């Protein structure tokens, strides 16, 4: 899906349309198989040692979760104006962004 197509699917969040925006964005994220990252987040290893001690399967899951989280953040960013983006810009995960919104 191109960025142009994504932008057409995601309306801009305004002070008056949060409920409708939220419903549409959840549906879109569900269609992209990413909604669980927003709802539940994922565990990031707290240290390099913890990351290094992961089994290969755990590392693959972590990479997949990071990829989904980046995808969700990109999708959410498409639906925000500059002022709202500034509010959530310091959030590190899509779950944190969703809570802030």
PDB file of N, CA and C in Angstrom:
ATOM      1  N   UNK A   1       0.859  -1.174   0.000  1.00  0.00           N
ATOM      2  CA  UNK A   1       0.000   0.000   0.000  1.00  0.00           C
ATOM      3  C   UNK A   1       0.902   1.233   0.000  1.00  0.00           C
ATOM      4  N   UNK A   2       0.649   2.129  -0.890  1.00  0.00           N
ATOM      5  CA  UNK A   2       1.479   3.320  -0.996  1.00  0.00           C
ATOM      6  C   UNK A   2       1.090   4.340   0.057  1.00  0.00           C
ATOM      7  N   UNK A   3       1.995   5.282   0.286  1.00  0.00           N
ATOM      8  CA  UNK A   3       1.723   6.347   1.239  1.00  0.00           C
ATOM      9  C   UNK A   3       0.526   7.166   0.802  1.00  0.00           C
ATOM     10  N   UNK A   4       0.408   7.398  -0.495  1.00  0.00           N
ATOM     11  CA  UNK A   4      -0.726   8.170  -1.006  1.00  0.00           C
ATOM     12  C   UNK A   4      -2.045   7.482  -0.664  1.00  0.00           C
ATOM     13  N   UNK A   5      -2.115   6.169  -0.861  1.00  0.00           N
ATOM     14  CA  UNK A   5      -3.327   5.424  -0.525  1.00  0.00           C
ATOM     15  C   UNK A   5      -3.597   5.449   0.970  1.00  0.00           C
ATOM     16  N   UNK A   6      -2.562   5.330   1.775  1.00  0.00           N
ATOM     17  CA  UNK A   6      -2.717   5.372   3.227  1.00  0.00           C
ATOM     18  C   UNK A   6      -3.258   6.719   3.651  1.00  0.00           C
ATOM     19  N   UNK A   7      -2.749   7.789   3.085  1.00  0.00           N
ATOM     20  CA  UNK A   7      -3.213   9.120   3.450  1.00  0.00           C
ATOM     21  C   UNK A   7      -4.692   9.297   3.129  1.00  0.00           C
ATOM     22  N   UNK A   8      -5.176   8.695   2.086  1.00  0.00           N
ATOM     23  CA  UNK A   8      -6.597   8.786   1.746  1.00  0.00           C
ATOM     24  C   UNK A   8      -7.451   8.039   2.756  1.00  0.00           C
ATOM     25  N   UNK A   9      -6.940   6.945   3.314  1.00  0.00           N
ATOM     26  CA  UNK A   9      -7.691   6.137   4.261  1.00  0.00           C
ATOM     27  C   UNK A   9      -7.720   6.742   5.659  1.00  0.00           C
ATOM     28  N   UNK A  10      -6.732   7.542   5.992  1.00  0.00           N
ATOM     29  CA  UNK A  10      -6.608   8.079   7.338  1.00  0.00           C
ATOM     30  C   UNK A  10      -6.901   9.572   7.318  1.00  0.00           C
ATOM     31  N   UNK A  11      -8.007   9.934   7.940  1.00  0.00           N
ATOM     32  CA  UNK A  11      -8.339  11.352   8.024  1.00  0.00           C
ATOM     33  C   UNK A  11      -7.484  12.002   9.111  1.00  0.00           C
ATOM     34  N   UNK A  12      -7.391  13.305   9.070  1.00  0.00           N
ATOM     35  CA  UNK A  12      -6.639  14.040  10.078  1.00  0.00           C
ATOM     36  C   UNK A  12      -7.448  14.127  11.366  1.00  0.00           C
ATOM     37  N   UNK A  13      -6.789  13.905  12.469  1.00  0.00           N
ATOM     38  CA  UNK A  13      -7.411  14.051  13.782  1.00  0.00           C
ATOM     39  C   UNK A  13      -7.604  15.533  14.064  1.00  0.00           C
ATOM     40  N   UNK A  14      -8.804  15.877  14.502  1.00  0.00           N
ATOM     41  CA  UNK A  14      -9.096  17.252  14.904  1.00  0.00           C
ATOM     42  C   UNK A  14      -9.684  17.226  16.300  1.00  0.00           C
ATOM     43  N   UNK A  15      -9.911  18.399  16.858  1.00  0.00           N
ATOM     44  CA  UNK A  15     -10.489  18.454  18.202  1.00  0.00           C
ATOM     45  C   UNK A  15     -11.929  17.971  18.219  1.00  0.00           C
ATOM     46  N   UNK A  16     -12.567  17.877  17.058  1.00  0.00           N
ATOM     47  CA  UNK A  16     -13.976  17.506  16.991  1.00  0.00           C
ATOM     48  C   UNK A  16     -14.250  16.092  16.489  1.00  0.00           C
ATOM     49  N   UNK A  17     -13.235  15.358  16.011  1.00  0.00           N
ATOM     50  CA  UNK A  17     -13.520  14.067  15.379  1.00  0.00           C
ATOM     51  C   UNK A  17     -12.804  12.879  16.013  1.00  0.00           C
ATOM     52  N   UNK A  18     -12.364  12.994  17.261  1.00  0.00           N
ATOM     53  CA  UNK A  18     -11.569  11.919  17.860  1.00  0.00           C
ATOM     54  C   UNK A  18     -12.290  10.570  17.815  1.00  0.00           C
ATOM     55  N   UNK A  19     -13.565  10.511  18.218  1.00  0.00           N
ATOM     56  CA  UNK A  19     -14.268   9.226  18.274  1.00  0.00           C
ATOM     57  C   UNK A  19     -14.315   8.548  16.910  1.00  0.00           C
ATOM     58  N   UNK A  20     -14.691   9.286  15.879  1.00  0.00           N
ATOM     59  CA  UNK A  20     -14.744   8.705  14.530  1.00  0.00           C
ATOM     60  C   UNK A  20     -13.351   8.359  14.020  1.00  0.00           C
ATOM     61  N   UNK A  21     -12.385   9.237  14.267  1.00  0.00           N
ATOM     62  CA  UNK A  21     -10.999   8.995  13.850  1.00  0.00           C
ATOM     63  C   UNK A  21     -10.474   7.716  14.496  1.00  0.00           C
ATOM     64  N   UNK A  22     -10.749   7.560  15.768  1.00  0.00           N
ATOM     65  CA  UNK A  22     -10.290   6.402  16.524  1.00  0.00           C
ATOM     66  C   UNK A  22     -10.876   5.105  15.946  1.00  0.00           C
ATOM     67  N   UNK A  23     -12.160   5.102  15.679  1.00  0.00           N
ATOM     68  CA  UNK A  23     -12.815   3.915  15.110  1.00  0.00           C
ATOM     69  C   UNK A  23     -12.191   3.558  13.763  1.00  0.00           C
ATOM     70  N   UNK A  24     -12.017   4.552  12.911  1.00  0.00           N
ATOM     71  CA  UNK A  24     -11.435   4.308  11.584  1.00  0.00           C
ATOM     72  C   UNK A  24      -9.992   3.826  11.679  1.00  0.00           C
ATOM     73  N   UNK A  25      -9.224   4.439  12.568  1.00  0.00           N
ATOM     74  CA  UNK A  25      -7.824   4.049  12.686  1.00  0.00           C
ATOM     75  C   UNK A  25      -7.692   2.646  13.266  1.00  0.00           C
ATOM     76  N   UNK A  26      -8.508   2.306  14.246  1.00  0.00           N
ATOM     77  CA  UNK A  26      -8.477   0.939  14.790  1.00  0.00           C
ATOM     78  C   UNK A  26      -8.813  -0.079  13.709  1.00  0.00           C
ATOM     79  N   UNK A  27      -9.803   0.231  12.889  1.00  0.00           N
ATOM     80  CA  UNK A  27     -10.160  -0.684  11.800  1.00  0.00           C
ATOM     81  C   UNK A  27      -9.005  -0.835  10.819  1.00  0.00           C
ATOM     82  N   UNK A  28      -8.374   0.280  10.476  1.00  0.00           N
ATOM     83  CA  UNK A  28      -7.255   0.226   9.542  1.00  0.00           C
ATOM     84  C   UNK A  28      -6.085  -0.561  10.140  1.00  0.00           C
ATOM     85  N   UNK A  29      -5.773  -0.299  11.403  1.00  0.00           N
ATOM     86  CA  UNK A  29      -4.679  -1.029  12.051  1.00  0.00           C
ATOM     87  C   UNK A  29      -4.997  -2.518  12.152  1.00  0.00           C
ATOM     88  N   UNK A  30      -6.263  -2.846  12.375  1.00  0.00           N
ATOM     89  CA  UNK A  30      -6.662  -4.248  12.384  1.00  0.00           C
ATOM     90  C   UNK A  30      -6.446  -4.889  11.026  1.00  0.00           C
ATOM     91  N   UNK A  31      -6.753  -4.160   9.965  1.00  0.00           N
ATOM     92  CA  UNK A  31      -6.563  -4.689   8.616  1.00  0.00           C
ATOM     93  C   UNK A  31      -5.087  -4.886   8.294  1.00  0.00           C
ATOM     94  N   UNK A  32      -4.237  -4.165   8.994  1.00  0.00           N
ATOM     95  CA  UNK A  32      -2.790  -4.280   8.792  1.00  0.00           C
ATOM     96  C   UNK A  32      -2.152  -5.251   9.796  1.00  0.00           C
ATOM     97  N   UNK A  33      -3.006  -5.912  10.599  1.00  0.00           N
ATOM     98  CA  UNK A  33      -2.581  -6.883  11.617  1.00  0.00           C
ATOM     99  C   UNK A  33      -1.609  -6.268  12.623  1.00  0.00           C
ATOM    100  N   UNK A  34      -1.930  -5.032  13.044  1.00  0.00           N
ATOM    101  CA  UNK A  34      -1.057  -4.309  13.966  1.00  0.00           C
ATOM    102  C   UNK A  34      -1.765  -3.797  15.218  1.00  0.00           C
ATOM    103  N   UNK A  35      -3.051  -4.005  15.347  1.00  0.00           N
ATOM    104  CA  UNK A  35      -3.792  -3.402  16.442  1.00  0.00           C
ATOM    105  C   UNK A  35      -3.325  -3.906  17.805  1.00  0.00           C
ATOM    106  N   UNK A  36      -2.864  -5.149  17.885  1.00  0.00           N
ATOM    107  CA  UNK A  36      -2.434  -5.694  19.180  1.00  0.00           C
ATOM    108  C   UNK A  36      -1.212  -4.960  19.732  1.00  0.00           C
ATOM    109  N   UNK A  37      -0.377  -4.421  18.881  1.00  0.00           N
ATOM    110  CA  UNK A  37       0.783  -3.653  19.337  1.00  0.00           C
ATOM    111  C   UNK A  37       0.325  -2.377  20.018  1.00  0.00           C
ATOM    112  N   UNK A  38      -0.720  -1.755  19.507  1.00  0.00           N
ATOM    113  CA  UNK A  38      -1.268  -0.539  20.108  1.00  0.00           C
ATOM    114  C   UNK A  38      -1.938  -0.867  21.436  1.00  0.00           C
ATOM    115  N   UNK A  39      -2.711  -1.922  21.448  1.00  0.00           N
ATOM    116  CA  UNK A  39      -3.481  -2.255  22.643  1.00  0.00           C
ATOM    117  C   UNK A  39      -2.612  -2.807  23.770  1.00  0.00           C
ATOM    118  N   UNK A  40      -1.671  -3.681  23.445  1.00  0.00           N
ATOM    119  CA  UNK A  40      -0.904  -4.377  24.475  1.00  0.00           C
ATOM    120  C   UNK A  40       0.563  -3.992  24.544  1.00  0.00           C
ATOM    121  N   UNK A  41       1.073  -3.373  23.503  1.00  0.00           N
ATOM    122  CA  UNK A  41       2.493  -3.048  23.472  1.00  0.00           C
ATOM    123  C   UNK A  41       3.332  -4.311  23.333  1.00  0.00           C
ATOM    124  N   UNK A  42       4.596  -4.189  23.633  1.00  0.00           N
ATOM    125  CA  UNK A  42       5.498  -5.337  23.621  1.00  0.00           C
ATOM    126  C   UNK A  42       6.643  -5.036  24.576  1.00  0.00           C
ATOM    127  N   UNK A  43       7.329  -6.081  24.999  1.00  0.00           N
ATOM    128  CA  UNK A  43       8.422  -5.923  25.952  1.00  0.00           C
ATOM    129  C   UNK A  43       9.738  -5.743  25.221  1.00  0.00           C
ATOM    130  N   UNK A  44      10.368  -4.635  25.499  1.00  0.00           N
ATOM    131  CA  UNK A  44      11.691  -4.338  24.954  1.00  0.00           C
ATOM    132  C   UNK A  44      12.712  -4.739  26.021  1.00  0.00           C
ATOM    133  N   UNK A  45      13.771  -5.478  25.659  1.00  0.00           N
ATOM    134  CA  UNK A  45      14.792  -5.815  26.653  1.00  0.00           C
ATOM    135  C   UNK A  45      15.364  -4.545  27.299  1.00  0.00           C
ATOM    136  N   UNK A  46      15.562  -4.607  28.607  1.00  0.00           N
ATOM    137  CA  UNK A  46      15.993  -3.420  29.335  1.00  0.00           C
ATOM    138  C   UNK A  46      17.485  -3.126  29.205  1.00  0.00           C
ATOM    139  N   UNK A  47      18.264  -4.107  28.805  1.00  0.00           N
ATOM    140  CA  UNK A  47      19.703  -3.891  28.681  1.00  0.00           C
ATOM    141  C   UNK A  47      20.244  -4.686  27.494  1.00  0.00           C
ATOM    142  N   UNK A  48      21.464  -4.356  27.115  1.00  0.00           N
ATOM    143  CA  UNK A  48      22.119  -5.092  26.034  1.00  0.00           C
ATOM    144  C   UNK A  48      22.314  -6.550  26.433  1.00  0.00           C
ATOM    145  N   UNK A  49      22.626  -6.770  27.683  1.00  0.00           N
ATOM    146  CA  UNK A  49      22.815  -8.138  28.163  1.00  0.00           C
ATOM    147  C   UNK A  49      21.522  -8.942  28.057  1.00  0.00           C
ATOM    148  N   UNK A  50      20.403  -8.305  28.421  1.00  0.00           N
ATOM    149  CA  UNK A  50      19.110  -8.989  28.319  1.00  0.00           C
ATOM    150  C   UNK A  50      18.790  -9.305  26.867  1.00  0.00           C
ATOM    151  N   UNK A  51      19.092  -8.361  25.977  1.00  0.00           N
ATOM    152  CA  UNK A  51      18.846  -8.595  24.555  1.00  0.00           C
ATOM    153  C   UNK A  51      19.738  -9.714  24.030  1.00  0.00           C
ATOM    154  N   UNK A  52      20.996  -9.696  24.431  1.00  0.00           N
ATOM    155  CA  UNK A  52      21.938 -10.710  23.960  1.00  0.00           C
ATOM    156  C   UNK A  52      21.583 -12.110  24.457  1.00  0.00           C
ATOM    157  N   UNK A  53      20.879 -12.195  25.584  1.00  0.00           N
ATOM    158  CA  UNK A  53      20.546 -13.503  26.146  1.00  0.00           C
ATOM    159  C   UNK A  53      19.282 -14.123  25.542  1.00  0.00           C
ATOM    160  N   UNK A  54      18.609 -13.398  24.649  1.00  0.00           N
ATOM    161  CA  UNK A  54      17.397 -13.932  24.033  1.00  0.00           C
ATOM    162  C   UNK A  54      17.725 -15.089  23.089  1.00  0.00           C
ATOM    163  N   UNK A  55      16.835 -16.053  23.057  1.00  0.00           N
ATOM    164  CA  UNK A  55      16.945 -17.143  22.092  1.00  0.00           C
ATOM    165  C   UNK A  55      16.636 -16.584  20.705  1.00  0.00           C
ATOM    166  N   UNK A  56      17.038 -17.289  19.669  1.00  0.00           N
ATOM    167  CA  UNK A  56      16.827 -16.804  18.306  1.00  0.00           C
ATOM    168  C   UNK A  56      15.348 -16.568  18.012  1.00  0.00           C
ATOM    169  N   UNK A  57      14.484 -17.462  18.458  1.00  0.00           N
ATOM    170  CA  UNK A  57      13.038 -17.290  18.232  1.00  0.00           C
ATOM    171  C   UNK A  57      12.536 -16.021  18.926  1.00  0.00           C
ATOM    172  N   UNK A  58      13.039 -15.743  20.119  1.00  0.00           N
ATOM    173  CA  UNK A  58      12.651 -14.532  20.846  1.00  0.00           C
ATOM    174  C   UNK A  58      13.141 -13.281  20.117  1.00  0.00           C
ATOM    175  N   UNK A  59      14.329 -13.360  19.534  1.00  0.00           N
ATOM    176  CA  UNK A  59      14.862 -12.235  18.770  1.00  0.00           C
ATOM    177  C   UNK A  59      14.002 -11.970  17.533  1.00  0.00           C
ATOM    178  N   UNK A  60      13.538 -13.029  16.895  1.00  0.00           N
ATOM    179  CA  UNK A  60      12.679 -12.869  15.721  1.00  0.00           C
ATOM    180  C   UNK A  60      11.351 -12.215  16.111  1.00  0.00           C
ATOM    181  N   UNK A  61      10.788 -12.618  17.237  1.00  0.00           N
ATOM    182  CA  UNK A  61       9.539 -12.013  17.717  1.00  0.00           C
ATOM    183  C   UNK A  61       9.769 -10.542  18.037  1.00  0.00           C
ATOM    184  N   UNK A  62      10.889 -10.231  18.681  1.00  0.00           N
ATOM    185  CA  UNK A  62      11.210  -8.844  19.003  1.00  0.00           C
ATOM    186  C   UNK A  62      11.344  -8.005  17.737  1.00  0.00           C
ATOM    187  N   UNK A  63      12.032  -8.528  16.732  1.00  0.00           N
ATOM    188  CA  UNK A  63      12.168  -7.806  15.457  1.00  0.00           C
ATOM    189  C   UNK A  63      10.806  -7.584  14.805  1.00  0.00           C
ATOM    190  N   UNK A  64       9.963  -8.592  14.827  1.00  0.00           N
ATOM    191  CA  UNK A  64       8.621  -8.470  14.233  1.00  0.00           C
ATOM    192  C   UNK A  64       7.799  -7.430  14.990  1.00  0.00           C
ATOM    193  N   UNK A  65       7.891  -7.433  16.310  1.00  0.00           N
ATOM    194  CA  UNK A  65       7.151  -6.455  17.112  1.00  0.00           C
ATOM    195  C   UNK A  65       7.654  -5.039  16.873  1.00  0.00           C
ATOM    196  N   UNK A  66       8.949  -4.879  16.771  1.00  0.00           N
ATOM    197  CA  UNK A  66       9.508  -3.550  16.473  1.00  0.00           C
ATOM    198  C   UNK A  66       9.026  -3.061  15.108  1.00  0.00           C
ATOM    199  N   UNK A  67       9.012  -3.964  14.145  1.00  0.00           N
ATOM    200  CA  UNK A  67       8.555  -3.601  12.796  1.00  0.00           C
ATOM    201  C   UNK A  67       7.093  -3.181  12.820  1.00  0.00           C
ATOM    202  N   UNK A  68       6.247  -3.947  13.512  1.00  0.00           N
ATOM    203  CA  UNK A  68       4.834  -3.585  13.626  1.00  0.00           C
ATOM    204  C   UNK A  68       4.672  -2.245  14.333  1.00  0.00           C
ATOM    205  N   UNK A  69       5.448  -2.030  15.389  1.00  0.00           N
ATOM    206  CA  UNK A  69       5.348  -0.776  16.126  1.00  0.00           C
ATOM    207  C   UNK A  69       5.736   0.406  15.239  1.00  0.00           C
ATOM    208  N   UNK A  70       6.784   0.265  14.469  1.00  0.00           N
ATOM    209  CA  UNK A  70       7.180   1.323  13.533  1.00  0.00           C
ATOM    210  C   UNK A  70       6.104   1.564  12.482  1.00  0.00           C
ATOM    211  N   UNK A  71       5.486   0.501  12.003  1.00  0.00           N
ATOM    212  CA  UNK A  71       4.426   0.620  11.015  1.00  0.00           C
ATOM    213  C   UNK A  71       3.248   1.398  11.608  1.00  0.00           C
ATOM    214  N   UNK A  72       2.859   1.051  12.836  1.00  0.00           N
ATOM    215  CA  UNK A  72       1.740   1.735  13.487  1.00  0.00           C
ATOM    216  C   UNK A  72       2.063   3.205  13.718  1.00  0.00           C
ATOM    217  N   UNK A  73       3.265   3.491  14.201  1.00  0.00           N
ATOM    218  CA  UNK A  73       3.629   4.890  14.424  1.00  0.00           C
ATOM    219  C   UNK A  73       3.562   5.678  13.125  1.00  0.00           C
ATOM    220  N   UNK A  74       4.029   5.105  12.043  1.00  0.00           N
ATOM    221  CA  UNK A  74       3.976   5.775  10.747  1.00  0.00           C
ATOM    222  C   UNK A  74       2.527   6.028  10.328  1.00  0.00           C
ATOM    223  N   UNK A  75       1.671   5.049  10.522  1.00  0.00           N
ATOM    224  CA  UNK A  75       0.257   5.205  10.176  1.00  0.00           C
ATOM    225  C   UNK A  75      -0.384   6.301  11.023  1.00  0.00           C
ATOM    226  N   UNK A  76      -0.144   6.277  12.323  1.00  0.00           N
ATOM    227  CA  UNK A  76      -0.725   7.296  13.200  1.00  0.00           C
ATOM    228  C   UNK A  76      -0.225   8.681  12.807  1.00  0.00           C
ATOM    229  N   UNK A  77       1.059   8.809  12.547  1.00  0.00           N
ATOM    230  CA  UNK A  77       1.620  10.111  12.169  1.00  0.00           C
ATOM    231  C   UNK A  77       0.904  10.694  10.944  1.00  0.00           C
ATOM    232  N   UNK A  78       0.485   9.823  10.021  1.00  0.00           N
ATOM    233  CA  UNK A  78      -0.192  10.301   8.811  1.00  0.00           C
ATOM    234  C   UNK A  78      -1.509  11.012   9.127  1.00  0.00           C
ATOM    235  N   UNK A  79      -2.103  10.673  10.282  1.00  0.00           N
ATOM    236  CA  UNK A  79      -3.385  11.248  10.633  1.00  0.00           C
ATOM    237  C   UNK A  79      -3.312  12.409  11.609  1.00  0.00           C
ATOM    238  N   UNK A  80      -2.121  12.957  11.808  1.00  0.00           N
ATOM    239  CA  UNK A  80      -1.961  14.037  12.779  1.00  0.00           C
ATOM    240  C   UNK A  80      -1.514  15.332  12.116  1.00  0.00           C
ATOM    241  N   UNK A  81      -2.025  16.439  12.623  1.00  0.00           N
ATOM    242  CA  UNK A  81      -1.520  17.730  12.176  1.00  0.00           C
ATOM    243  C   UNK A  81      -0.234  18.032  12.955  1.00  0.00           C
ATOM    244  N   UNK A  82       0.435  19.097  12.590  1.00  0.00           N
ATOM    245  CA  UNK A  82       1.729  19.416  13.203  1.00  0.00           C
ATOM    246  C   UNK A  82       1.626  19.665  14.710  1.00  0.00           C
ATOM    247  N   UNK A  83       0.590  20.347  15.144  1.00  0.00           N
ATOM    248  CA  UNK A  83       0.443  20.655  16.569  1.00  0.00           C
ATOM    249  C   UNK A  83       0.259  19.385  17.393  1.00  0.00           C
ATOM    250  N   UNK A  84      -0.552  18.482  16.898  1.00  0.00           N
ATOM    251  CA  UNK A  84      -0.770  17.226  17.616  1.00  0.00           C
ATOM    252  C   UNK A  84       0.477  16.358  17.566  1.00  0.00           C
ATOM    253  N   UNK A  85       1.156  16.364  16.433  1.00  0.00           N
ATOM    254  CA  UNK A  85       2.403  15.594  16.331  1.00  0.00           C
ATOM    255  C   UNK A  85       3.405  16.058  17.383  1.00  0.00           C
ATOM    256  N   UNK A  86       3.506  17.352  17.587  1.00  0.00           N
ATOM    257  CA  UNK A  86       4.438  17.881  18.588  1.00  0.00           C
ATOM    258  C   UNK A  86       4.136  17.336  19.982  1.00  0.00           C
ATOM    259  N   UNK A  87       2.867  17.112  20.283  1.00  0.00           N
ATOM    260  CA  UNK A  87       2.472  16.599  21.596  1.00  0.00           C
ATOM    261  C   UNK A  87       2.968  15.176  21.810  1.00  0.00           C
ATOM    262  N   UNK A  88       2.930  14.359  20.779  1.00  0.00           N
ATOM    263  CA  UNK A  88       3.278  12.941  20.920  1.00  0.00           C
ATOM    264  C   UNK A  88       4.675  12.595  20.399  1.00  0.00           C
ATOM    265  N   UNK A  89       5.397  13.565  19.910  1.00  0.00           N
ATOM    266  CA  UNK A  89       6.678  13.297  19.253  1.00  0.00           C
ATOM    267  C   UNK A  89       7.683  12.578  20.150  1.00  0.00           C
ATOM    268  N   UNK A  90       7.618  12.790  21.440  1.00  0.00           N
ATOM    269  CA  UNK A  90       8.591  12.159  22.333  1.00  0.00           C
ATOM    270  C   UNK A  90       8.194  10.747  22.748  1.00  0.00           C
ATOM    271  N   UNK A  91       6.986  10.303  22.397  1.00  0.00           N
ATOM    272  CA  UNK A  91       6.556   8.946  22.729  1.00  0.00           C
ATOM    273  C   UNK A  91       7.411   7.945  21.962  1.00  0.00           C
ATOM    274  N   UNK A  92       7.800   6.889  22.637  1.00  0.00           N
ATOM    275  CA  UNK A  92       8.703   5.923  22.021  1.00  0.00           C
ATOM    276  C   UNK A  92       8.003   4.744  21.372  1.00  0.00           C
ATOM    277  N   UNK A  93       6.755   4.488  21.747  1.00  0.00           N
ATOM    278  CA  UNK A  93       6.038   3.358  21.164  1.00  0.00           C
ATOM    279  C   UNK A  93       4.646   3.794  20.719  1.00  0.00           C
ATOM    280  N   UNK A  94       4.059   2.976  19.873  1.00  0.00           N
ATOM    281  CA  UNK A  94       2.708   3.277  19.409  1.00  0.00           C
ATOM    282  C   UNK A  94       1.706   3.218  20.555  1.00  0.00           C
ATOM    283  N   UNK A  95       1.932   2.344  21.517  1.00  0.00           N
ATOM    284  CA  UNK A  95       1.045   2.269  22.678  1.00  0.00           C
ATOM    285  C   UNK A  95       1.087   3.583  23.462  1.00  0.00           C
ATOM    286  N   UNK A  96       2.275   4.146  23.646  1.00  0.00           N
ATOM    287  CA  UNK A  96       2.412   5.433  24.339  1.00  0.00           C
ATOM    288  C   UNK A  96       1.720   6.554  23.561  1.00  0.00           C
ATOM    289  N   UNK A  97       1.856   6.526  22.249  1.00  0.00           N
ATOM    290  CA  UNK A  97       1.196   7.538  21.413  1.00  0.00           C
ATOM    291  C   UNK A  97      -0.312   7.438  21.579  1.00  0.00           C
ATOM    292  N   UNK A  98      -0.842   6.213  21.496  1.00  0.00           N
ATOM    293  CA  UNK A  98      -2.284   6.016  21.594  1.00  0.00           C
ATOM    294  C   UNK A  98      -2.810   6.516  22.931  1.00  0.00           C
ATOM    295  N   UNK A  99      -2.090   6.229  24.003  1.00  0.00           N
ATOM    296  CA  UNK A  99      -2.513   6.716  25.332  1.00  0.00           C
ATOM    297  C   UNK A  99      -2.521   8.228  25.372  1.00  0.00           C
ATOM    298  N   UNK A 100      -1.520   8.847  24.781  1.00  0.00           N
ATOM    299  CA  UNK A 100      -1.430  10.317  24.788  1.00  0.00           C
ATOM    300  C   UNK A 100      -2.559  10.958  23.995  1.00  0.00           C
ATOM    301  N   UNK A 101      -2.988  10.297  22.939  1.00  0.00           N
ATOM    302  CA  UNK A 101      -4.052  10.864  22.118  1.00  0.00           C
ATOM    303  C   UNK A 101      -5.393  10.693  22.800  1.00  0.00           C
TER     304      UNK A 101
END
